[in-house]
């Protein structure tokens, strides 16, 4: 059984000075000849430039992603984790000084990332902290611990203070964690908006 295809219908040339009738040879053909295509080119120029720019940005992003080192991925994951901690604790006061303010907020770690890298992505080890406490008072750890005991309990704080196995994340694990924390942050933000 053969399916008969209808012959293409005649169209009018899109160029306003021509308007000749023609049968399209290709799908989407809107002009009758190459001469009319040249006349019609400026009409599509802006759209074509935009499409080319989008393609170039996508290719640049892919090339840039391939050049990232493990340390770059670790930084991305840390930024995503910190954003999630800040959003998770959005209604709570600063873990160290107990005040609400309109300044900048950090994700302060009880056990520092430099001294205890194995706890850098541990949710119990991080809380929303005001910038002055985190930056100028080195986390104000005495008051941080007092509040942390109130929030998560003595057993959990003692666990944080105990020994931990070192962790070495692969690039794939870091990418997955980054995507996970970003998704959690978006979900929390959507919950706040609702």
N, C-alpha and C. Protein backbone atom coordinates (compact mmCIF):
# COMPACT_ATOMS: atom_id res chain seq x y z
N UNK A 1 0.85 -1.17 0.00
CA UNK A 1 0.00 0.00 0.00
C UNK A 1 0.89 1.24 0.00
N UNK A 2 0.71 2.07 -0.96
CA UNK A 2 1.50 3.30 -1.04
C UNK A 2 0.63 4.47 -0.65
N UNK A 3 1.26 5.38 0.04
CA UNK A 3 0.54 6.58 0.47
C UNK A 3 0.85 7.69 -0.52
N UNK A 4 -0.20 8.24 -1.06
CA UNK A 4 0.00 9.34 -2.00
C UNK A 4 0.17 10.64 -1.23
N UNK A 5 1.21 11.36 -1.59
CA UNK A 5 1.45 12.64 -0.95
C UNK A 5 0.86 13.73 -1.82
N UNK A 6 0.29 14.67 -1.15
CA UNK A 6 -0.28 15.80 -1.88
C UNK A 6 0.86 16.68 -2.38
N UNK A 7 0.74 17.20 -3.57
CA UNK A 7 1.78 18.13 -4.04
C UNK A 7 1.70 19.41 -3.21
N UNK A 8 2.85 20.05 -2.98
CA UNK A 8 2.83 21.28 -2.19
C UNK A 8 1.97 22.35 -2.88
N UNK A 9 1.27 23.14 -2.06
CA UNK A 9 0.44 24.21 -2.60
C UNK A 9 1.31 25.41 -2.94
N UNK A 10 0.85 26.17 -3.86
CA UNK A 10 1.57 27.37 -4.26
C UNK A 10 1.48 28.42 -3.14
N UNK A 11 2.58 29.17 -2.97
CA UNK A 11 2.64 30.24 -1.98
C UNK A 11 2.97 31.53 -2.68
N UNK A 12 2.75 32.62 -1.96
CA UNK A 12 3.17 33.92 -2.48
C UNK A 12 4.50 34.26 -1.83
N UNK A 13 5.41 34.83 -2.59
CA UNK A 13 6.73 35.21 -2.08
C UNK A 13 6.55 36.23 -0.95
N UNK A 14 7.34 36.07 0.14
CA UNK A 14 7.21 36.93 1.31
C UNK A 14 7.75 38.35 1.06
N UNK A 15 8.62 38.51 0.08
CA UNK A 15 9.19 39.83 -0.20
C UNK A 15 8.09 40.71 -0.78
N UNK A 16 7.88 41.86 -0.16
CA UNK A 16 6.75 42.72 -0.53
C UNK A 16 6.86 43.28 -1.95
N UNK A 17 8.05 43.46 -2.47
CA UNK A 17 8.18 44.00 -3.83
C UNK A 17 8.01 42.93 -4.90
N UNK A 18 8.06 41.65 -4.52
CA UNK A 18 7.94 40.56 -5.50
C UNK A 18 6.52 39.98 -5.51
N UNK A 19 6.11 39.34 -4.40
CA UNK A 19 4.81 38.71 -4.23
C UNK A 19 4.46 37.71 -5.35
N UNK A 20 5.50 37.13 -6.00
CA UNK A 20 5.26 36.14 -7.06
C UNK A 20 4.76 34.84 -6.45
N UNK A 21 4.00 34.09 -7.22
CA UNK A 21 3.49 32.81 -6.77
C UNK A 21 4.53 31.74 -7.12
N UNK A 22 4.80 30.81 -6.16
CA UNK A 22 5.78 29.75 -6.41
C UNK A 22 5.39 28.51 -5.62
N UNK A 23 5.92 27.37 -6.03
CA UNK A 23 5.70 26.11 -5.32
C UNK A 23 6.98 25.84 -4.51
N UNK A 24 6.89 25.75 -3.16
CA UNK A 24 8.09 25.57 -2.35
C UNK A 24 8.80 24.24 -2.62
N UNK A 25 10.12 24.32 -2.71
CA UNK A 25 10.92 23.12 -2.94
C UNK A 25 11.34 22.50 -1.61
N UNK A 26 11.39 23.31 -0.56
CA UNK A 26 11.80 22.84 0.77
C UNK A 26 10.76 23.25 1.80
N UNK A 27 10.75 22.50 2.89
CA UNK A 27 9.87 22.81 4.01
C UNK A 27 10.27 24.15 4.61
N UNK A 28 9.32 25.04 4.80
CA UNK A 28 9.60 26.34 5.40
C UNK A 28 10.06 27.39 4.42
N UNK A 29 10.13 27.07 3.14
CA UNK A 29 10.57 28.04 2.16
C UNK A 29 9.52 29.14 2.03
N UNK A 30 9.97 30.42 2.16
CA UNK A 30 9.03 31.54 2.15
C UNK A 30 9.27 32.52 1.02
N UNK A 31 10.36 32.32 0.26
CA UNK A 31 10.66 33.23 -0.85
C UNK A 31 10.84 32.42 -2.12
N UNK A 32 10.66 33.10 -3.25
CA UNK A 32 10.64 32.38 -4.51
C UNK A 32 12.02 32.12 -5.12
N UNK A 33 13.01 32.92 -4.79
CA UNK A 33 14.32 32.78 -5.44
C UNK A 33 15.45 33.24 -4.52
N UNK A 34 16.69 32.91 -4.86
CA UNK A 34 17.82 33.39 -4.06
C UNK A 34 17.91 34.93 -4.00
N UNK A 35 17.50 35.59 -5.07
CA UNK A 35 17.52 37.05 -5.08
C UNK A 35 16.54 37.61 -4.03
N UNK A 36 15.37 37.00 -3.94
CA UNK A 36 14.39 37.43 -2.94
C UNK A 36 14.86 37.05 -1.53
N UNK A 37 15.59 35.94 -1.41
CA UNK A 37 16.13 35.54 -0.11
C UNK A 37 17.11 36.58 0.41
N UNK A 38 17.93 37.12 -0.49
CA UNK A 38 18.86 38.18 -0.09
C UNK A 38 18.11 39.43 0.37
N UNK A 39 17.03 39.75 -0.31
CA UNK A 39 16.23 40.91 0.09
C UNK A 39 15.55 40.67 1.44
N UNK A 40 15.18 39.40 1.71
CA UNK A 40 14.45 39.05 2.94
C UNK A 40 15.39 38.82 4.14
N UNK A 41 16.69 38.70 3.90
CA UNK A 41 17.66 38.36 4.95
C UNK A 41 17.64 39.30 6.16
N UNK A 42 17.58 40.62 6.00
CA UNK A 42 17.59 41.48 7.19
C UNK A 42 16.43 41.21 8.16
N UNK A 43 15.35 40.70 7.65
CA UNK A 43 14.19 40.40 8.49
C UNK A 43 14.53 39.34 9.54
N UNK A 44 15.34 38.36 9.17
CA UNK A 44 15.70 37.27 10.07
C UNK A 44 17.04 37.48 10.78
N UNK A 45 17.70 38.58 10.48
CA UNK A 45 19.05 38.79 10.99
C UNK A 45 19.10 38.82 12.53
N UNK A 46 18.18 39.54 13.14
CA UNK A 46 18.17 39.66 14.60
C UNK A 46 17.94 38.30 15.26
N UNK A 47 16.97 37.56 14.74
CA UNK A 47 16.68 36.24 15.28
C UNK A 47 17.88 35.30 15.10
N UNK A 48 18.53 35.36 13.94
CA UNK A 48 19.68 34.50 13.68
C UNK A 48 20.84 34.86 14.61
N UNK A 49 21.09 36.15 14.83
CA UNK A 49 22.16 36.58 15.74
C UNK A 49 21.88 36.08 17.15
N UNK A 50 20.63 36.15 17.58
CA UNK A 50 20.26 35.68 18.91
C UNK A 50 20.48 34.18 19.04
N UNK A 51 20.09 33.41 18.02
CA UNK A 51 20.26 31.96 18.04
C UNK A 51 21.75 31.60 18.05
N UNK A 52 22.55 32.31 17.29
CA UNK A 52 23.99 32.05 17.26
C UNK A 52 24.61 32.37 18.61
N UNK A 53 24.19 33.47 19.22
CA UNK A 53 24.73 33.86 20.53
C UNK A 53 24.35 32.82 21.59
N UNK A 54 23.11 32.31 21.55
CA UNK A 54 22.69 31.27 22.50
C UNK A 54 23.51 30.01 22.32
N UNK A 55 23.72 29.61 21.08
CA UNK A 55 24.53 28.42 20.80
C UNK A 55 25.95 28.61 21.32
N UNK A 56 26.54 29.79 21.08
CA UNK A 56 27.90 30.07 21.55
C UNK A 56 27.98 30.03 23.08
N UNK A 57 26.95 30.58 23.76
CA UNK A 57 26.96 30.55 25.23
C UNK A 57 26.88 29.12 25.75
N UNK A 58 26.03 28.29 25.11
CA UNK A 58 25.92 26.90 25.52
C UNK A 58 27.26 26.17 25.33
N UNK A 59 27.89 26.37 24.18
CA UNK A 59 29.17 25.72 23.91
C UNK A 59 30.24 26.19 24.90
N UNK A 60 30.24 27.49 25.22
CA UNK A 60 31.21 28.04 26.18
C UNK A 60 31.00 27.42 27.56
N UNK A 61 29.74 27.28 27.95
CA UNK A 61 29.42 26.70 29.26
C UNK A 61 29.92 25.26 29.34
N UNK A 62 29.73 24.49 28.25
CA UNK A 62 30.19 23.10 28.21
C UNK A 62 31.71 23.05 28.29
N UNK A 63 32.40 23.90 27.52
CA UNK A 63 33.87 23.93 27.55
C UNK A 63 34.37 24.33 28.93
N UNK A 64 33.73 25.31 29.54
CA UNK A 64 34.12 25.78 30.87
C UNK A 64 33.95 24.68 31.90
N UNK A 65 32.85 23.93 31.79
CA UNK A 65 32.58 22.84 32.73
C UNK A 65 33.65 21.76 32.61
N UNK A 66 34.12 21.48 31.40
CA UNK A 66 35.15 20.45 31.20
C UNK A 66 36.48 20.87 31.80
N UNK A 67 36.74 22.18 31.88
CA UNK A 67 38.01 22.67 32.41
C UNK A 67 38.04 22.76 33.94
N UNK A 68 36.90 22.57 34.59
CA UNK A 68 36.84 22.71 36.04
C UNK A 68 37.66 21.62 36.73
N UNK A 69 38.38 22.03 37.75
CA UNK A 69 39.13 21.07 38.55
C UNK A 69 38.24 20.54 39.67
N UNK A 70 38.76 19.57 40.42
CA UNK A 70 38.04 19.03 41.56
C UNK A 70 37.81 20.12 42.60
N UNK A 71 38.80 20.99 42.77
CA UNK A 71 38.67 22.10 43.73
C UNK A 71 37.56 23.05 43.32
N UNK A 72 37.41 23.29 42.02
CA UNK A 72 36.32 24.16 41.53
C UNK A 72 34.96 23.53 41.86
N UNK A 73 34.85 22.23 41.65
CA UNK A 73 33.60 21.53 41.96
C UNK A 73 33.34 21.53 43.47
N UNK A 74 34.40 21.42 44.27
CA UNK A 74 34.26 21.46 45.72
C UNK A 74 33.73 22.83 46.16
N UNK A 75 34.24 23.90 45.54
CA UNK A 75 33.76 25.26 45.83
C UNK A 75 32.29 25.42 45.46
N UNK A 76 31.91 24.88 44.30
CA UNK A 76 30.51 24.95 43.86
C UNK A 76 29.59 24.22 44.86
N UNK A 77 30.02 23.05 45.29
CA UNK A 77 29.22 22.27 46.24
C UNK A 77 29.12 23.01 47.57
N UNK A 78 30.23 23.60 48.02
CA UNK A 78 30.21 24.34 49.28
C UNK A 78 29.26 25.53 49.19
N UNK A 79 29.28 26.24 48.06
CA UNK A 79 28.38 27.39 47.88
C UNK A 79 26.92 26.94 47.89
N UNK A 80 26.62 25.81 47.23
CA UNK A 80 25.25 25.29 47.20
C UNK A 80 24.82 24.84 48.60
N UNK A 81 25.72 24.18 49.33
CA UNK A 81 25.42 23.74 50.70
C UNK A 81 25.15 24.94 51.60
N UNK A 82 26.01 25.96 51.50
CA UNK A 82 25.84 27.15 52.33
C UNK A 82 24.52 27.86 52.04
N UNK A 83 24.15 27.95 50.77
CA UNK A 83 22.88 28.58 50.40
C UNK A 83 21.71 27.79 51.00
N UNK A 84 21.81 26.46 50.97
CA UNK A 84 20.75 25.63 51.54
C UNK A 84 20.65 25.84 53.05
N UNK A 85 21.79 25.92 53.74
CA UNK A 85 21.77 26.14 55.20
C UNK A 85 21.12 27.48 55.52
N UNK A 86 21.49 28.52 54.78
CA UNK A 86 20.90 29.84 55.03
C UNK A 86 19.40 29.82 54.80
N UNK A 87 18.96 29.12 53.78
CA UNK A 87 17.52 29.06 53.48
C UNK A 87 16.80 28.16 54.49
N UNK A 88 17.44 27.09 54.90
CA UNK A 88 16.84 26.17 55.88
C UNK A 88 16.56 26.88 57.21
N UNK A 89 17.48 27.75 57.63
CA UNK A 89 17.38 28.43 58.92
C UNK A 89 16.85 29.86 58.80
N UNK A 90 16.14 30.17 57.74
CA UNK A 90 15.76 31.55 57.44
C UNK A 90 14.98 32.24 58.56
N UNK A 91 14.20 31.56 59.32
CA UNK A 91 13.42 32.21 60.38
C UNK A 91 14.14 32.29 61.72
N UNK A 92 15.27 31.61 61.82
CA UNK A 92 15.98 31.54 63.09
C UNK A 92 16.95 32.71 63.26
N UNK A 93 17.23 33.10 64.51
CA UNK A 93 18.22 34.16 64.74
C UNK A 93 19.63 33.61 64.54
N UNK A 94 20.61 34.47 64.63
CA UNK A 94 22.01 34.07 64.53
C UNK A 94 22.31 33.03 65.60
N UNK A 95 22.99 31.97 65.22
CA UNK A 95 23.27 30.89 66.15
C UNK A 95 24.23 31.33 67.26
N UNK A 96 25.03 32.37 67.01
CA UNK A 96 26.00 32.80 68.02
C UNK A 96 25.47 33.91 68.92
N UNK A 97 24.97 34.98 68.32
CA UNK A 97 24.55 36.14 69.13
C UNK A 97 23.05 36.18 69.41
N UNK A 98 22.26 35.37 68.69
CA UNK A 98 20.83 35.30 68.94
C UNK A 98 20.03 36.49 68.45
N UNK A 99 20.60 37.30 67.58
CA UNK A 99 19.85 38.47 67.12
C UNK A 99 19.39 38.29 65.66
N UNK A 100 18.32 38.96 65.34
CA UNK A 100 17.83 39.05 63.96
C UNK A 100 18.33 40.38 63.43
N UNK A 101 18.81 40.41 62.22
CA UNK A 101 19.22 41.69 61.63
C UNK A 101 19.03 41.65 60.13
N UNK A 102 19.19 42.80 59.49
CA UNK A 102 18.95 42.89 58.06
C UNK A 102 20.22 42.83 57.24
N UNK A 103 21.34 42.49 57.87
CA UNK A 103 22.62 42.42 57.17
C UNK A 103 22.81 41.11 56.44
N UNK A 104 24.07 40.83 56.15
CA UNK A 104 24.42 39.62 55.41
C UNK A 104 24.45 38.42 56.35
N UNK A 105 23.99 37.29 55.82
CA UNK A 105 23.99 36.04 56.59
C UNK A 105 24.97 35.06 55.97
N UNK A 106 25.62 34.27 56.82
CA UNK A 106 26.53 33.22 56.37
C UNK A 106 25.99 31.87 56.84
N UNK A 107 26.60 30.83 56.33
CA UNK A 107 26.37 29.48 56.85
C UNK A 107 27.61 29.17 57.70
N UNK A 108 27.51 29.44 58.99
CA UNK A 108 28.66 29.26 59.87
C UNK A 108 28.79 27.81 60.30
N UNK A 109 30.02 27.30 60.25
CA UNK A 109 30.29 25.92 60.66
C UNK A 109 30.79 25.92 62.11
N UNK A 110 30.26 25.02 62.93
CA UNK A 110 30.71 24.89 64.31
C UNK A 110 32.15 24.35 64.32
N UNK A 111 32.37 23.24 63.63
CA UNK A 111 33.72 22.71 63.44
C UNK A 111 34.16 23.22 62.08
N UNK A 112 35.23 24.00 62.04
CA UNK A 112 35.62 24.73 60.82
C UNK A 112 35.91 23.79 59.65
N UNK A 113 35.69 24.30 58.46
CA UNK A 113 35.92 23.54 57.24
C UNK A 113 37.41 23.24 57.09
N UNK A 114 38.26 24.21 57.43
CA UNK A 114 39.70 24.00 57.31
C UNK A 114 40.23 22.98 58.30
N UNK A 115 39.75 23.02 59.53
CA UNK A 115 40.22 22.10 60.55
C UNK A 115 39.56 20.74 60.52
N UNK A 116 38.35 20.68 60.00
CA UNK A 116 37.57 19.43 59.98
C UNK A 116 36.85 19.29 58.63
N UNK A 117 37.61 19.07 57.54
CA UNK A 117 36.97 19.00 56.22
C UNK A 117 35.97 17.86 56.08
N UNK A 118 36.08 16.84 56.93
CA UNK A 118 35.14 15.72 56.85
C UNK A 118 33.73 16.13 57.29
N UNK A 119 33.61 17.27 57.97
CA UNK A 119 32.29 17.75 58.43
C UNK A 119 31.77 18.93 57.61
N UNK A 120 32.44 19.25 56.53
CA UNK A 120 32.06 20.45 55.78
C UNK A 120 30.64 20.38 55.22
N UNK A 121 30.14 19.19 54.89
CA UNK A 121 28.78 19.05 54.35
C UNK A 121 27.84 18.38 55.34
N UNK A 122 28.17 18.41 56.60
CA UNK A 122 27.32 17.83 57.65
C UNK A 122 26.30 18.88 58.08
N UNK A 123 24.99 18.65 57.86
CA UNK A 123 23.97 19.64 58.22
C UNK A 123 23.95 20.01 59.69
N UNK A 124 24.30 19.08 60.58
CA UNK A 124 24.31 19.40 62.01
C UNK A 124 25.45 20.35 62.37
N UNK A 125 26.48 20.41 61.53
CA UNK A 125 27.67 21.21 61.81
C UNK A 125 27.54 22.65 61.30
N UNK A 126 26.47 23.00 60.63
CA UNK A 126 26.33 24.34 60.05
C UNK A 126 24.99 24.95 60.44
N UNK A 127 25.01 26.26 60.62
CA UNK A 127 23.78 26.98 60.95
C UNK A 127 23.88 28.40 60.41
N UNK A 128 22.74 29.03 60.27
CA UNK A 128 22.68 30.41 59.79
C UNK A 128 23.30 31.33 60.85
N UNK A 129 24.26 32.14 60.41
CA UNK A 129 25.02 32.97 61.33
C UNK A 129 25.23 34.34 60.71
N UNK A 130 25.13 35.39 61.53
CA UNK A 130 25.32 36.73 60.99
C UNK A 130 26.79 36.93 60.60
N UNK A 131 27.02 37.79 59.63
CA UNK A 131 28.37 38.02 59.13
C UNK A 131 29.33 38.53 60.21
N UNK A 132 28.92 39.47 61.09
CA UNK A 132 29.86 39.93 62.12
C UNK A 132 30.34 38.80 63.03
N UNK A 133 29.45 37.91 63.44
CA UNK A 133 29.86 36.79 64.31
C UNK A 133 30.79 35.83 63.57
N UNK A 134 30.44 35.51 62.33
CA UNK A 134 31.23 34.53 61.58
C UNK A 134 32.57 35.09 61.17
N UNK A 135 32.60 36.35 60.73
CA UNK A 135 33.82 36.93 60.19
C UNK A 135 34.69 37.56 61.27
N UNK A 136 34.12 38.44 62.07
CA UNK A 136 34.92 39.23 63.00
C UNK A 136 35.14 38.55 64.34
N UNK A 137 34.28 37.61 64.72
CA UNK A 137 34.43 36.91 66.00
C UNK A 137 34.82 35.45 65.80
N UNK A 138 35.26 35.10 64.60
CA UNK A 138 35.67 33.72 64.26
C UNK A 138 34.60 32.70 64.62
N UNK A 139 33.36 33.06 64.45
CA UNK A 139 32.24 32.16 64.69
C UNK A 139 31.68 32.23 66.10
N UNK A 140 32.36 32.96 67.00
CA UNK A 140 31.90 33.09 68.40
C UNK A 140 31.50 31.71 68.93
N UNK A 141 32.47 30.79 68.93
CA UNK A 141 32.21 29.37 69.17
C UNK A 141 31.62 29.05 70.55
N UNK A 142 31.95 29.83 71.58
CA UNK A 142 31.39 29.54 72.91
C UNK A 142 29.88 29.68 72.88
N UNK A 143 29.39 30.82 72.36
CA UNK A 143 27.94 31.03 72.27
C UNK A 143 27.31 30.11 71.21
N UNK A 144 28.07 29.82 70.14
CA UNK A 144 27.59 28.90 69.10
C UNK A 144 27.28 27.55 69.74
N UNK A 145 28.22 27.03 70.56
CA UNK A 145 28.03 25.71 71.19
C UNK A 145 26.82 25.72 72.12
N UNK A 146 26.66 26.77 72.89
CA UNK A 146 25.52 26.85 73.81
C UNK A 146 24.20 26.75 73.04
N UNK A 147 24.08 27.51 71.96
CA UNK A 147 22.86 27.49 71.15
C UNK A 147 22.71 26.16 70.42
N UNK A 148 23.83 25.60 69.96
CA UNK A 148 23.78 24.33 69.24
C UNK A 148 23.28 23.21 70.15
N UNK A 149 23.67 23.22 71.39
CA UNK A 149 23.17 22.23 72.35
C UNK A 149 21.66 22.37 72.48
N UNK A 150 21.17 23.61 72.50
CA UNK A 150 19.71 23.84 72.59
C UNK A 150 19.00 23.32 71.34
N UNK A 151 19.62 23.49 70.18
CA UNK A 151 18.96 23.13 68.92
C UNK A 151 19.02 21.64 68.61
N UNK A 152 20.19 21.02 68.79
CA UNK A 152 20.32 19.62 68.34
C UNK A 152 20.61 18.63 69.47
N UNK A 153 20.90 19.13 70.67
CA UNK A 153 21.13 18.23 71.80
C UNK A 153 22.61 17.98 72.08
N UNK A 154 22.88 17.59 73.30
CA UNK A 154 24.27 17.36 73.75
C UNK A 154 24.92 16.20 73.01
N UNK A 155 24.18 15.11 72.81
CA UNK A 155 24.74 13.93 72.14
C UNK A 155 25.24 14.28 70.73
N UNK A 156 24.43 15.04 69.98
CA UNK A 156 24.82 15.40 68.61
C UNK A 156 26.04 16.32 68.63
N UNK A 157 26.11 17.25 69.57
CA UNK A 157 27.26 18.16 69.66
C UNK A 157 28.51 17.37 70.02
N UNK A 158 28.40 16.43 70.96
CA UNK A 158 29.55 15.60 71.32
C UNK A 158 29.99 14.74 70.14
N UNK A 159 29.03 14.26 69.35
CA UNK A 159 29.39 13.51 68.13
C UNK A 159 30.18 14.39 67.18
N UNK A 160 29.74 15.66 66.99
CA UNK A 160 30.47 16.59 66.12
C UNK A 160 31.89 16.82 66.63
N UNK A 161 32.05 16.89 67.93
CA UNK A 161 33.36 17.16 68.52
C UNK A 161 34.27 15.93 68.53
N UNK A 162 33.72 14.76 68.30
CA UNK A 162 34.50 13.52 68.30
C UNK A 162 35.29 13.33 67.02
N UNK A 163 36.03 12.22 66.94
CA UNK A 163 36.82 11.94 65.73
C UNK A 163 35.92 11.47 64.58
N UNK A 164 36.37 11.75 63.36
CA UNK A 164 35.61 11.37 62.16
C UNK A 164 36.57 10.88 61.09
N UNK A 165 36.07 9.98 60.28
CA UNK A 165 36.85 9.46 59.16
C UNK A 165 36.99 10.54 58.08
N UNK A 166 38.19 10.70 57.49
CA UNK A 166 38.34 11.66 56.39
C UNK A 166 37.49 11.24 55.20
N UNK A 167 37.03 12.23 54.45
CA UNK A 167 36.20 11.94 53.27
C UNK A 167 36.85 12.59 52.06
N UNK A 168 36.90 11.85 50.97
CA UNK A 168 37.42 12.38 49.71
C UNK A 168 36.32 12.15 48.67
N UNK A 169 35.74 13.24 48.22
CA UNK A 169 34.63 13.15 47.26
C UNK A 169 35.16 13.16 45.84
N UNK A 170 34.56 12.34 44.98
CA UNK A 170 34.90 12.37 43.56
C UNK A 170 34.18 13.54 42.90
N UNK A 171 34.59 13.88 41.70
CA UNK A 171 33.96 14.97 40.96
C UNK A 171 32.48 14.65 40.71
N UNK A 172 32.18 13.40 40.38
CA UNK A 172 30.79 13.02 40.14
C UNK A 172 29.95 13.15 41.41
N UNK A 173 30.52 12.76 42.56
CA UNK A 173 29.81 12.92 43.82
C UNK A 173 29.56 14.39 44.12
N UNK A 174 30.56 15.22 43.87
CA UNK A 174 30.41 16.66 44.12
C UNK A 174 29.34 17.27 43.23
N UNK A 175 29.32 16.86 41.96
CA UNK A 175 28.29 17.37 41.03
C UNK A 175 26.90 16.96 41.51
N UNK A 176 26.77 15.72 41.94
CA UNK A 176 25.47 15.22 42.42
C UNK A 176 25.05 15.98 43.68
N UNK A 177 26.00 16.21 44.59
CA UNK A 177 25.68 16.93 45.82
C UNK A 177 25.28 18.37 45.52
N UNK A 178 25.98 19.00 44.59
CA UNK A 178 25.66 20.37 44.20
C UNK A 178 24.23 20.45 43.67
N UNK A 179 23.90 19.55 42.76
CA UNK A 179 22.55 19.52 42.19
C UNK A 179 21.51 19.27 43.27
N UNK A 180 21.82 18.37 44.21
CA UNK A 180 20.89 18.04 45.29
C UNK A 180 20.65 19.25 46.20
N UNK A 181 21.71 19.93 46.61
CA UNK A 181 21.55 21.09 47.49
C UNK A 181 20.84 22.24 46.79
N UNK A 182 21.11 22.42 45.51
CA UNK A 182 20.40 23.48 44.76
C UNK A 182 18.92 23.16 44.66
N UNK A 183 18.59 21.90 44.44
CA UNK A 183 17.18 21.50 44.37
C UNK A 183 16.49 21.70 45.71
N UNK A 184 17.18 21.34 46.80
CA UNK A 184 16.61 21.53 48.14
C UNK A 184 16.38 23.01 48.44
N UNK A 185 17.32 23.86 48.01
CA UNK A 185 17.18 25.30 48.23
C UNK A 185 15.98 25.85 47.46
N UNK A 186 15.84 25.42 46.19
CA UNK A 186 14.69 25.86 45.38
C UNK A 186 13.38 25.42 46.03
N UNK A 187 13.36 24.20 46.53
CA UNK A 187 12.16 23.68 47.19
C UNK A 187 11.80 24.50 48.42
N UNK A 188 12.79 24.85 49.23
CA UNK A 188 12.54 25.68 50.41
C UNK A 188 12.03 27.07 50.01
N UNK A 189 12.61 27.65 48.97
CA UNK A 189 12.18 28.96 48.51
C UNK A 189 10.75 28.93 47.99
N UNK A 190 10.39 27.84 47.28
CA UNK A 190 9.02 27.70 46.79
C UNK A 190 8.06 27.56 47.95
N UNK A 191 8.48 26.86 48.99
CA UNK A 191 7.65 26.70 50.19
C UNK A 191 7.42 28.03 50.90
N UNK A 192 8.44 28.90 50.90
CA UNK A 192 8.30 30.23 51.50
C UNK A 192 7.35 31.10 50.70
N UNK A 193 7.38 30.94 49.39
CA UNK A 193 6.55 31.78 48.52
C UNK A 193 5.08 31.37 48.63
N UNK A 194 4.82 30.12 48.91
CA UNK A 194 3.44 29.63 48.96
C UNK A 194 2.73 30.07 50.22
